[in-house]
């Protein structure tokens, strides 16, 4: 099946919206219970493509724990306070 530009944009947009909603669901699950549910990880994984090695229960559980840990780390980084007068540690120069 060949997609035109409009169909591709619609399909890609729908997929990215579903992925964003699933990620928000995962973040709220971690905030409430400390873990991501199996169903949410399955949605996230399926939106990325084939499951590959995560079809095995051990690898899937490892992924589920990793997603939970990543969300907690992301929240810790976002909650970290920095003084307004703190200079950035990296400066980008246009060369």
PDB file of N, CA and C in Angstrom:
ATOM      1  N   UNK A   1       0.835  -1.174   0.000  1.00  0.00           N
ATOM      2  CA  UNK A   1       0.000   0.000   0.000  1.00  0.00           C
ATOM      3  C   UNK A   1       0.880   1.237   0.000  1.00  0.00           C
ATOM      4  N   UNK A   2       0.611   2.128  -0.900  1.00  0.00           N
ATOM      5  CA  UNK A   2       1.386   3.355  -0.985  1.00  0.00           C
ATOM      6  C   UNK A   2       0.582   4.503  -0.370  1.00  0.00           C
ATOM      7  N   UNK A   3       1.207   5.203   0.577  1.00  0.00           N
ATOM      8  CA  UNK A   3       0.549   6.320   1.258  1.00  0.00           C
ATOM      9  C   UNK A   3       0.959   7.632   0.615  1.00  0.00           C
ATOM     10  N   UNK A   4      -0.008   8.523   0.480  1.00  0.00           N
ATOM     11  CA  UNK A   4       0.373   9.869   0.063  1.00  0.00           C
ATOM     12  C   UNK A   4       0.774  10.656   1.311  1.00  0.00           C
ATOM     13  N   UNK A   5       1.228  11.854   1.115  1.00  0.00           N
ATOM     14  CA  UNK A   5       1.746  12.658   2.213  1.00  0.00           C
ATOM     15  C   UNK A   5       0.685  12.906   3.287  1.00  0.00           C
ATOM     16  N   UNK A   6      -0.538  13.189   2.880  1.00  0.00           N
ATOM     17  CA  UNK A   6      -1.616  13.473   3.835  1.00  0.00           C
ATOM     18  C   UNK A   6      -1.943  12.234   4.670  1.00  0.00           C
ATOM     19  N   UNK A   7      -2.010  11.069   4.027  1.00  0.00           N
ATOM     20  CA  UNK A   7      -2.293   9.839   4.763  1.00  0.00           C
ATOM     21  C   UNK A   7      -1.165   9.509   5.733  1.00  0.00           C
ATOM     22  N   UNK A   8       0.069   9.708   5.281  1.00  0.00           N
ATOM     23  CA  UNK A   8       1.214   9.445   6.148  1.00  0.00           C
ATOM     24  C   UNK A   8       1.187  10.351   7.369  1.00  0.00           C
ATOM     25  N   UNK A   9       0.921  11.644   7.164  1.00  0.00           N
ATOM     26  CA  UNK A   9       0.884  12.596   8.275  1.00  0.00           C
ATOM     27  C   UNK A   9      -0.214  12.228   9.265  1.00  0.00           C
ATOM     28  N   UNK A  10      -1.364  11.837   8.751  1.00  0.00           N
ATOM     29  CA  UNK A  10      -2.477  11.445   9.617  1.00  0.00           C
ATOM     30  C   UNK A  10      -2.114  10.200  10.424  1.00  0.00           C
ATOM     31  N   UNK A  11      -1.525   9.219   9.769  1.00  0.00           N
ATOM     32  CA  UNK A  11      -1.143   7.984  10.445  1.00  0.00           C
ATOM     33  C   UNK A  11      -0.059   8.240  11.484  1.00  0.00           C
ATOM     34  N   UNK A  12       0.946   9.004  11.119  1.00  0.00           N
ATOM     35  CA  UNK A  12       2.040   9.301  12.051  1.00  0.00           C
ATOM     36  C   UNK A  12       1.534  10.121  13.229  1.00  0.00           C
ATOM     37  N   UNK A  13       0.659  11.068  12.953  1.00  0.00           N
ATOM     38  CA  UNK A  13       0.106  11.896  14.026  1.00  0.00           C
ATOM     39  C   UNK A  13      -0.718  11.089  15.006  1.00  0.00           C
ATOM     40  N   UNK A  14      -1.524  10.176  14.482  1.00  0.00           N
ATOM     41  CA  UNK A  14      -2.341   9.319  15.335  1.00  0.00           C
ATOM     42  C   UNK A  14      -1.455   8.438  16.202  1.00  0.00           C
ATOM     43  N   UNK A  15      -0.400   7.885  15.611  1.00  0.00           N
ATOM     44  CA  UNK A  15       0.515   7.040  16.368  1.00  0.00           C
ATOM     45  C   UNK A  15       1.250   7.791  17.451  1.00  0.00           C
ATOM     46  N   UNK A  16       1.685   9.009  17.150  1.00  0.00           N
ATOM     47  CA  UNK A  16       2.424   9.777  18.157  1.00  0.00           C
ATOM     48  C   UNK A  16       1.505  10.261  19.265  1.00  0.00           C
ATOM     49  N   UNK A  17       0.240  10.540  18.937  1.00  0.00           N
ATOM     50  CA  UNK A  17      -0.717  10.928  19.981  1.00  0.00           C
ATOM     51  C   UNK A  17      -0.970   9.753  20.918  1.00  0.00           C
ATOM     52  N   UNK A  18      -1.152   8.563  20.352  1.00  0.00           N
ATOM     53  CA  UNK A  18      -1.367   7.370  21.173  1.00  0.00           C
ATOM     54  C   UNK A  18      -0.161   7.095  22.053  1.00  0.00           C
ATOM     55  N   UNK A  19       1.037   7.279  21.510  1.00  0.00           N
ATOM     56  CA  UNK A  19       2.254   7.067  22.285  1.00  0.00           C
ATOM     57  C   UNK A  19       2.352   8.077  23.423  1.00  0.00           C
ATOM     58  N   UNK A  20       2.019   9.331  23.152  1.00  0.00           N
ATOM     59  CA  UNK A  20       2.061  10.362  24.193  1.00  0.00           C
ATOM     60  C   UNK A  20       1.054  10.070  25.301  1.00  0.00           C
ATOM     61  N   UNK A  21      -0.127   9.611  24.933  1.00  0.00           N
ATOM     62  CA  UNK A  21      -1.148   9.276  25.934  1.00  0.00           C
ATOM     63  C   UNK A  21      -0.693   8.089  26.779  1.00  0.00           C
ATOM     64  N   UNK A  22      -0.110   7.082  26.133  1.00  0.00           N
ATOM     65  CA  UNK A  22       0.389   5.914  26.865  1.00  0.00           C
ATOM     66  C   UNK A  22       1.515   6.308  27.808  1.00  0.00           C
ATOM     67  N   UNK A  23       2.384   7.222  27.382  1.00  0.00           N
ATOM     68  CA  UNK A  23       3.481   7.673  28.245  1.00  0.00           C
ATOM     69  C   UNK A  23       2.931   8.437  29.449  1.00  0.00           C
ATOM     70  N   UNK A  24       1.933   9.286  29.225  1.00  0.00           N
ATOM     71  CA  UNK A  24       1.304  10.005  30.339  1.00  0.00           C
ATOM     72  C   UNK A  24       0.661   9.029  31.311  1.00  0.00           C
ATOM     73  N   UNK A  25       0.040   7.985  30.784  1.00  0.00           N
ATOM     74  CA  UNK A  25      -0.563   6.956  31.637  1.00  0.00           C
ATOM     75  C   UNK A  25       0.521   6.277  32.470  1.00  0.00           C
ATOM     76  N   UNK A  26       1.644   5.958  31.859  1.00  0.00           N
ATOM     77  CA  UNK A  26       2.746   5.321  32.577  1.00  0.00           C
ATOM     78  C   UNK A  26       3.263   6.238  33.685  1.00  0.00           C
ATOM     79  N   UNK A  27       3.395   7.521  33.395  1.00  0.00           N
ATOM     80  CA  UNK A  27       3.876   8.474  34.400  1.00  0.00           C
ATOM     81  C   UNK A  27       2.903   8.580  35.570  1.00  0.00           C
ATOM     82  N   UNK A  28       1.620   8.606  35.285  1.00  0.00           N
ATOM     83  CA  UNK A  28       0.644   8.700  36.370  1.00  0.00           C
ATOM     84  C   UNK A  28       0.594   7.412  37.186  1.00  0.00           C
ATOM     85  N   UNK A  29       0.789   6.260  36.548  1.00  0.00           N
ATOM     86  CA  UNK A  29       0.837   5.000  37.296  1.00  0.00           C
ATOM     87  C   UNK A  29       2.016   4.966  38.252  1.00  0.00           C
ATOM     88  N   UNK A  30       3.172   5.446  37.794  1.00  0.00           N
ATOM     89  CA  UNK A  30       4.346   5.473  38.666  1.00  0.00           C
ATOM     90  C   UNK A  30       4.121   6.436  39.827  1.00  0.00           C
ATOM     91  N   UNK A  31       3.482   7.569  39.572  1.00  0.00           N
ATOM     92  CA  UNK A  31       3.199   8.532  40.632  1.00  0.00           C
ATOM     93  C   UNK A  31       2.247   7.943  41.673  1.00  0.00           C
ATOM     94  N   UNK A  32       1.286   7.142  41.228  1.00  0.00           N
ATOM     95  CA  UNK A  32       0.295   6.577  42.142  1.00  0.00           C
ATOM     96  C   UNK A  32       0.788   5.325  42.860  1.00  0.00           C
ATOM     97  N   UNK A  33       1.341   4.374  42.107  1.00  0.00           N
ATOM     98  CA  UNK A  33       1.670   3.079  42.700  1.00  0.00           C
ATOM     99  C   UNK A  33       3.165   2.769  42.741  1.00  0.00           C
ATOM    100  N   UNK A  34       3.973   3.561  42.029  1.00  0.00           N
ATOM    101  CA  UNK A  34       5.402   3.303  41.994  1.00  0.00           C
ATOM    102  C   UNK A  34       5.839   2.361  40.889  1.00  0.00           C
ATOM    103  N   UNK A  35       4.879   1.803  40.146  1.00  0.00           N
ATOM    104  CA  UNK A  35       5.190   0.875  39.064  1.00  0.00           C
ATOM    105  C   UNK A  35       4.306   1.147  37.862  1.00  0.00           C
ATOM    106  N   UNK A  36       4.762   0.698  36.702  1.00  0.00           N
ATOM    107  CA  UNK A  36       3.976   0.775  35.476  1.00  0.00           C
ATOM    108  C   UNK A  36       3.291  -0.568  35.287  1.00  0.00           C
ATOM    109  N   UNK A  37       2.024  -0.543  34.880  1.00  0.00           N
ATOM    110  CA  UNK A  37       1.296  -1.792  34.675  1.00  0.00           C
ATOM    111  C   UNK A  37       1.786  -2.506  33.425  1.00  0.00           C
ATOM    112  N   UNK A  38       1.549  -3.787  33.396  1.00  0.00           N
ATOM    113  CA  UNK A  38       1.917  -4.607  32.251  1.00  0.00           C
ATOM    114  C   UNK A  38       1.213  -4.126  30.989  1.00  0.00           C
ATOM    115  N   UNK A  39      -0.062  -3.770  31.116  1.00  0.00           N
ATOM    116  CA  UNK A  39      -0.840  -3.332  29.962  1.00  0.00           C
ATOM    117  C   UNK A  39      -0.258  -2.059  29.348  1.00  0.00           C
ATOM    118  N   UNK A  40       0.153  -1.122  30.181  1.00  0.00           N
ATOM    119  CA  UNK A  40       0.704   0.134  29.672  1.00  0.00           C
ATOM    120  C   UNK A  40       2.026  -0.102  28.963  1.00  0.00           C
ATOM    121  N   UNK A  41       2.868  -0.960  29.510  1.00  0.00           N
ATOM    122  CA  UNK A  41       4.139  -1.270  28.858  1.00  0.00           C
ATOM    123  C   UNK A  41       3.886  -1.978  27.533  1.00  0.00           C
ATOM    124  N   UNK A  42       2.873  -2.831  27.477  1.00  0.00           N
ATOM    125  CA  UNK A  42       2.537  -3.497  26.221  1.00  0.00           C
ATOM    126  C   UNK A  42       2.114  -2.487  25.162  1.00  0.00           C
ATOM    127  N   UNK A  43       1.321  -1.483  25.555  1.00  0.00           N
ATOM    128  CA  UNK A  43       0.908  -0.450  24.600  1.00  0.00           C
ATOM    129  C   UNK A  43       2.119   0.342  24.119  1.00  0.00           C
ATOM    130  N   UNK A  44       2.988   0.727  25.048  1.00  0.00           N
ATOM    131  CA  UNK A  44       4.201   1.458  24.670  1.00  0.00           C
ATOM    132  C   UNK A  44       5.068   0.624  23.729  1.00  0.00           C
ATOM    133  N   UNK A  45       5.226  -0.631  24.047  1.00  0.00           N
ATOM    134  CA  UNK A  45       6.068  -1.517  23.247  1.00  0.00           C
ATOM    135  C   UNK A  45       5.463  -1.755  21.870  1.00  0.00           C
ATOM    136  N   UNK A  46       4.165  -1.984  21.812  1.00  0.00           N
ATOM    137  CA  UNK A  46       3.510  -2.234  20.533  1.00  0.00           C
ATOM    138  C   UNK A  46       3.514  -1.002  19.637  1.00  0.00           C
ATOM    139  N   UNK A  47       3.495   0.183  20.234  1.00  0.00           N
ATOM    140  CA  UNK A  47       3.520   1.396  19.417  1.00  0.00           C
ATOM    141  C   UNK A  47       4.894   1.631  18.801  1.00  0.00           C
ATOM    142  N   UNK A  48       5.918   0.966  19.328  1.00  0.00           N
ATOM    143  CA  UNK A  48       7.268   1.094  18.805  1.00  0.00           C
ATOM    144  C   UNK A  48       7.545   0.121  17.661  1.00  0.00           C
ATOM    145  N   UNK A  49       6.749  -0.932  17.566  1.00  0.00           N
ATOM    146  CA  UNK A  49       6.982  -1.942  16.532  1.00  0.00           C
ATOM    147  C   UNK A  49       6.876  -3.327  17.123  1.00  0.00           C
ATOM    148  N   UNK A  50       7.648  -4.260  16.598  1.00  0.00           N
ATOM    149  CA  UNK A  50       7.571  -5.638  17.089  1.00  0.00           C
ATOM    150  C   UNK A  50       8.192  -5.739  18.477  1.00  0.00           C
ATOM    151  N   UNK A  51       7.783  -6.740  19.211  1.00  0.00           N
ATOM    152  CA  UNK A  51       8.250  -6.893  20.595  1.00  0.00           C
ATOM    153  C   UNK A  51       9.651  -7.492  20.686  1.00  0.00           C
ATOM    154  N   UNK A  52      10.050  -8.226  19.708  1.00  0.00           N
ATOM    155  CA  UNK A  52      11.397  -8.790  19.709  1.00  0.00           C
ATOM    156  C   UNK A  52      11.667  -9.639  20.947  1.00  0.00           C
ATOM    157  N   UNK A  53      12.756  -9.336  21.645  1.00  0.00           N
ATOM    158  CA  UNK A  53      13.142 -10.139  22.816  1.00  0.00           C
ATOM    159  C   UNK A  53      12.177  -9.958  23.983  1.00  0.00           C
ATOM    160  N   UNK A  54      11.345  -8.930  23.929  1.00  0.00           N
ATOM    161  CA  UNK A  54      10.423  -8.671  25.037  1.00  0.00           C
ATOM    162  C   UNK A  54       9.189  -9.552  25.002  1.00  0.00           C
ATOM    163  N   UNK A  55       9.139 -10.498  24.072  1.00  0.00           N
ATOM    164  CA  UNK A  55       8.080 -11.508  24.095  1.00  0.00           C
ATOM    165  C   UNK A  55       8.330 -12.499  25.221  1.00  0.00           C
ATOM    166  N   UNK A  56       9.583 -12.629  25.613  1.00  0.00           N
ATOM    167  CA  UNK A  56       9.933 -13.502  26.737  1.00  0.00           C
ATOM    168  C   UNK A  56       9.550 -12.797  28.033  1.00  0.00           C
ATOM    169  N   UNK A  57       8.970 -13.547  28.954  1.00  0.00           N
ATOM    170  CA  UNK A  57       8.452 -12.941  30.189  1.00  0.00           C
ATOM    171  C   UNK A  57       9.551 -12.309  31.043  1.00  0.00           C
ATOM    172  N   UNK A  58      10.736 -12.919  31.095  1.00  0.00           N
ATOM    173  CA  UNK A  58      11.834 -12.347  31.893  1.00  0.00           C
ATOM    174  C   UNK A  58      12.272 -11.001  31.335  1.00  0.00           C
ATOM    175  N   UNK A  59      12.455 -10.935  30.043  1.00  0.00           N
ATOM    176  CA  UNK A  59      12.891  -9.690  29.412  1.00  0.00           C
ATOM    177  C   UNK A  59      11.811  -8.619  29.497  1.00  0.00           C
ATOM    178  N   UNK A  60      10.548  -9.029  29.379  1.00  0.00           N
ATOM    179  CA  UNK A  60       9.458  -8.073  29.482  1.00  0.00           C
ATOM    180  C   UNK A  60       9.411  -7.473  30.888  1.00  0.00           C
ATOM    181  N   UNK A  61       9.584  -8.304  31.895  1.00  0.00           N
ATOM    182  CA  UNK A  61       9.573  -7.807  33.280  1.00  0.00           C
ATOM    183  C   UNK A  61      10.751  -6.867  33.520  1.00  0.00           C
ATOM    184  N   UNK A  62      11.894  -7.186  32.950  1.00  0.00           N
ATOM    185  CA  UNK A  62      13.053  -6.288  33.047  1.00  0.00           C
ATOM    186  C   UNK A  62      12.755  -4.940  32.413  1.00  0.00           C
ATOM    187  N   UNK A  63      12.095  -4.952  31.261  1.00  0.00           N
ATOM    188  CA  UNK A  63      11.705  -3.718  30.591  1.00  0.00           C
ATOM    189  C   UNK A  63      10.714  -2.929  31.432  1.00  0.00           C
ATOM    190  N   UNK A  64       9.737  -3.595  32.021  1.00  0.00           N
ATOM    191  CA  UNK A  64       8.731  -2.930  32.842  1.00  0.00           C
ATOM    192  C   UNK A  64       9.378  -2.224  34.031  1.00  0.00           C
ATOM    193  N   UNK A  65      10.317  -2.893  34.690  1.00  0.00           N
ATOM    194  CA  UNK A  65      11.041  -2.273  35.815  1.00  0.00           C
ATOM    195  C   UNK A  65      11.901  -1.109  35.341  1.00  0.00           C
ATOM    196  N   UNK A  66      12.507  -1.256  34.166  1.00  0.00           N
ATOM    197  CA  UNK A  66      13.349  -0.187  33.614  1.00  0.00           C
ATOM    198  C   UNK A  66      12.529   1.047  33.271  1.00  0.00           C
ATOM    199  N   UNK A  67      11.344   0.858  32.710  1.00  0.00           N
ATOM    200  CA  UNK A  67      10.475   1.991  32.382  1.00  0.00           C
ATOM    201  C   UNK A  67      10.062   2.713  33.671  1.00  0.00           C
ATOM    202  N   UNK A  68       9.716   1.951  34.697  1.00  0.00           N
ATOM    203  CA  UNK A  68       9.359   2.558  35.982  1.00  0.00           C
ATOM    204  C   UNK A  68      10.519   3.368  36.541  1.00  0.00           C
ATOM    205  N   UNK A  69      11.716   2.792  36.496  1.00  0.00           N
ATOM    206  CA  UNK A  69      12.895   3.500  36.997  1.00  0.00           C
ATOM    207  C   UNK A  69      13.209   4.744  36.190  1.00  0.00           C
ATOM    208  N   UNK A  70      13.034   4.661  34.886  1.00  0.00           N
ATOM    209  CA  UNK A  70      13.304   5.816  34.031  1.00  0.00           C
ATOM    210  C   UNK A  70      12.331   6.956  34.322  1.00  0.00           C
ATOM    211  N   UNK A  71      11.081   6.624  34.562  1.00  0.00           N
ATOM    212  CA  UNK A  71      10.092   7.655  34.865  1.00  0.00           C
ATOM    213  C   UNK A  71      10.407   8.310  36.207  1.00  0.00           C
ATOM    214  N   UNK A  72      10.809   7.517  37.204  1.00  0.00           N
ATOM    215  CA  UNK A  72      11.190   8.095  38.507  1.00  0.00           C
ATOM    216  C   UNK A  72      12.405   9.005  38.364  1.00  0.00           C
ATOM    217  N   UNK A  73      13.395   8.588  37.582  1.00  0.00           N
ATOM    218  CA  UNK A  73      14.577   9.414  37.359  1.00  0.00           C
ATOM    219  C   UNK A  73      14.216  10.699  36.639  1.00  0.00           C
ATOM    220  N   UNK A  74      13.360  10.611  35.644  1.00  0.00           N
ATOM    221  CA  UNK A  74      12.912  11.798  34.915  1.00  0.00           C
ATOM    222  C   UNK A  74      12.222  12.784  35.860  1.00  0.00           C
ATOM    223  N   UNK A  75      11.387  12.269  36.744  1.00  0.00           N
ATOM    224  CA  UNK A  75      10.693  13.144  37.684  1.00  0.00           C
ATOM    225  C   UNK A  75      11.661  13.772  38.682  1.00  0.00           C
ATOM    226  N   UNK A  76      12.646  13.009  39.148  1.00  0.00           N
ATOM    227  CA  UNK A  76      13.659  13.563  40.058  1.00  0.00           C
ATOM    228  C   UNK A  76      14.433  14.690  39.396  1.00  0.00           C
ATOM    229  N   UNK A  77      14.785  14.510  38.132  1.00  0.00           N
ATOM    230  CA  UNK A  77      15.507  15.561  37.412  1.00  0.00           C
ATOM    231  C   UNK A  77      14.647  16.801  37.228  1.00  0.00           C
ATOM    232  N   UNK A  78      13.382  16.610  36.942  1.00  0.00           N
ATOM    233  CA  UNK A  78      12.485  17.752  36.761  1.00  0.00           C
ATOM    234  C   UNK A  78      12.219  18.481  38.069  1.00  0.00           C
ATOM    235  N   UNK A  79      12.234  17.751  39.180  1.00  0.00           N
ATOM    236  CA  UNK A  79      11.972  18.358  40.480  1.00  0.00           C
ATOM    237  C   UNK A  79      13.194  19.039  41.077  1.00  0.00           C
ATOM    238  N   UNK A  80      14.364  18.792  40.519  1.00  0.00           N
ATOM    239  CA  UNK A  80      15.602  19.357  41.054  1.00  0.00           C
ATOM    240  C   UNK A  80      15.586  20.876  40.883  1.00  0.00           C
ATOM    241  N   UNK A  81      15.812  21.579  41.985  1.00  0.00           N
ATOM    242  CA  UNK A  81      15.780  23.041  41.919  1.00  0.00           C
ATOM    243  C   UNK A  81      17.174  23.607  41.681  1.00  0.00           C
ATOM    244  N   UNK A  82      17.219  24.639  40.888  1.00  0.00           N
ATOM    245  CA  UNK A  82      18.465  25.333  40.565  1.00  0.00           C
ATOM    246  C   UNK A  82      18.239  26.810  40.832  1.00  0.00           C
ATOM    247  N   UNK A  83      19.238  27.448  41.415  1.00  0.00           N
ATOM    248  CA  UNK A  83      19.143  28.885  41.631  1.00  0.00           C
ATOM    249  C   UNK A  83      19.037  29.601  40.293  1.00  0.00           C
ATOM    250  N   UNK A  84      18.269  30.677  40.291  1.00  0.00           N
ATOM    251  CA  UNK A  84      18.091  31.407  39.043  1.00  0.00           C
ATOM    252  C   UNK A  84      19.382  32.035  38.533  1.00  0.00           C
ATOM    253  N   UNK A  85      20.303  32.334  39.440  1.00  0.00           N
ATOM    254  CA  UNK A  85      21.558  32.945  39.007  1.00  0.00           C
ATOM    255  C   UNK A  85      22.642  31.907  38.687  1.00  0.00           C
ATOM    256  N   UNK A  86      22.288  30.625  38.724  1.00  0.00           N
ATOM    257  CA  UNK A  86      23.236  29.552  38.409  1.00  0.00           C
ATOM    258  C   UNK A  86      23.545  29.565  36.913  1.00  0.00           C
ATOM    259  N   UNK A  87      24.813  29.507  36.596  1.00  0.00           N
ATOM    260  CA  UNK A  87      25.242  29.485  35.201  1.00  0.00           C
ATOM    261  C   UNK A  87      25.138  28.063  34.649  1.00  0.00           C
ATOM    262  N   UNK A  88      24.820  27.915  33.379  1.00  0.00           N
ATOM    263  CA  UNK A  88      24.744  26.566  32.797  1.00  0.00           C
ATOM    264  C   UNK A  88      26.121  25.920  32.746  1.00  0.00           C
ATOM    265  N   UNK A  89      26.139  24.601  32.854  1.00  0.00           N
ATOM    266  CA  UNK A  89      27.425  23.901  32.812  1.00  0.00           C
ATOM    267  C   UNK A  89      27.914  23.711  31.394  1.00  0.00           C
ATOM    268  N   UNK A  90      27.045  23.858  30.435  1.00  0.00           N
ATOM    269  CA  UNK A  90      27.423  23.717  29.029  1.00  0.00           C
ATOM    270  C   UNK A  90      27.024  24.980  28.279  1.00  0.00           C
ATOM    271  N   UNK A  91      27.956  25.479  27.508  1.00  0.00           N
ATOM    272  CA  UNK A  91      27.677  26.662  26.702  1.00  0.00           C
ATOM    273  C   UNK A  91      27.875  26.258  25.252  1.00  0.00           C
ATOM    274  N   UNK A  92      26.901  26.581  24.423  1.00  0.00           N
ATOM    275  CA  UNK A  92      26.988  26.253  23.012  1.00  0.00           C
ATOM    276  C   UNK A  92      27.418  27.509  22.237  1.00  0.00           C
ATOM    277  N   UNK A  93      28.479  27.352  21.477  1.00  0.00           N
ATOM    278  CA  UNK A  93      28.993  28.478  20.681  1.00  0.00           C
ATOM    279  C   UNK A  93      28.711  28.181  19.216  1.00  0.00           C
ATOM    280  N   UNK A  94      28.319  29.201  18.523  1.00  0.00           N
ATOM    281  CA  UNK A  94      28.101  29.031  17.101  1.00  0.00           C
ATOM    282  C   UNK A  94      29.423  29.270  16.400  1.00  0.00           C
ATOM    283  N   UNK A  95      29.893  28.300  15.636  1.00  0.00           N
ATOM    284  CA  UNK A  95      31.219  28.369  15.062  1.00  0.00           C
ATOM    285  C   UNK A  95      31.258  28.778  13.691  1.00  0.00           C
TER     286      UNK A  95
END
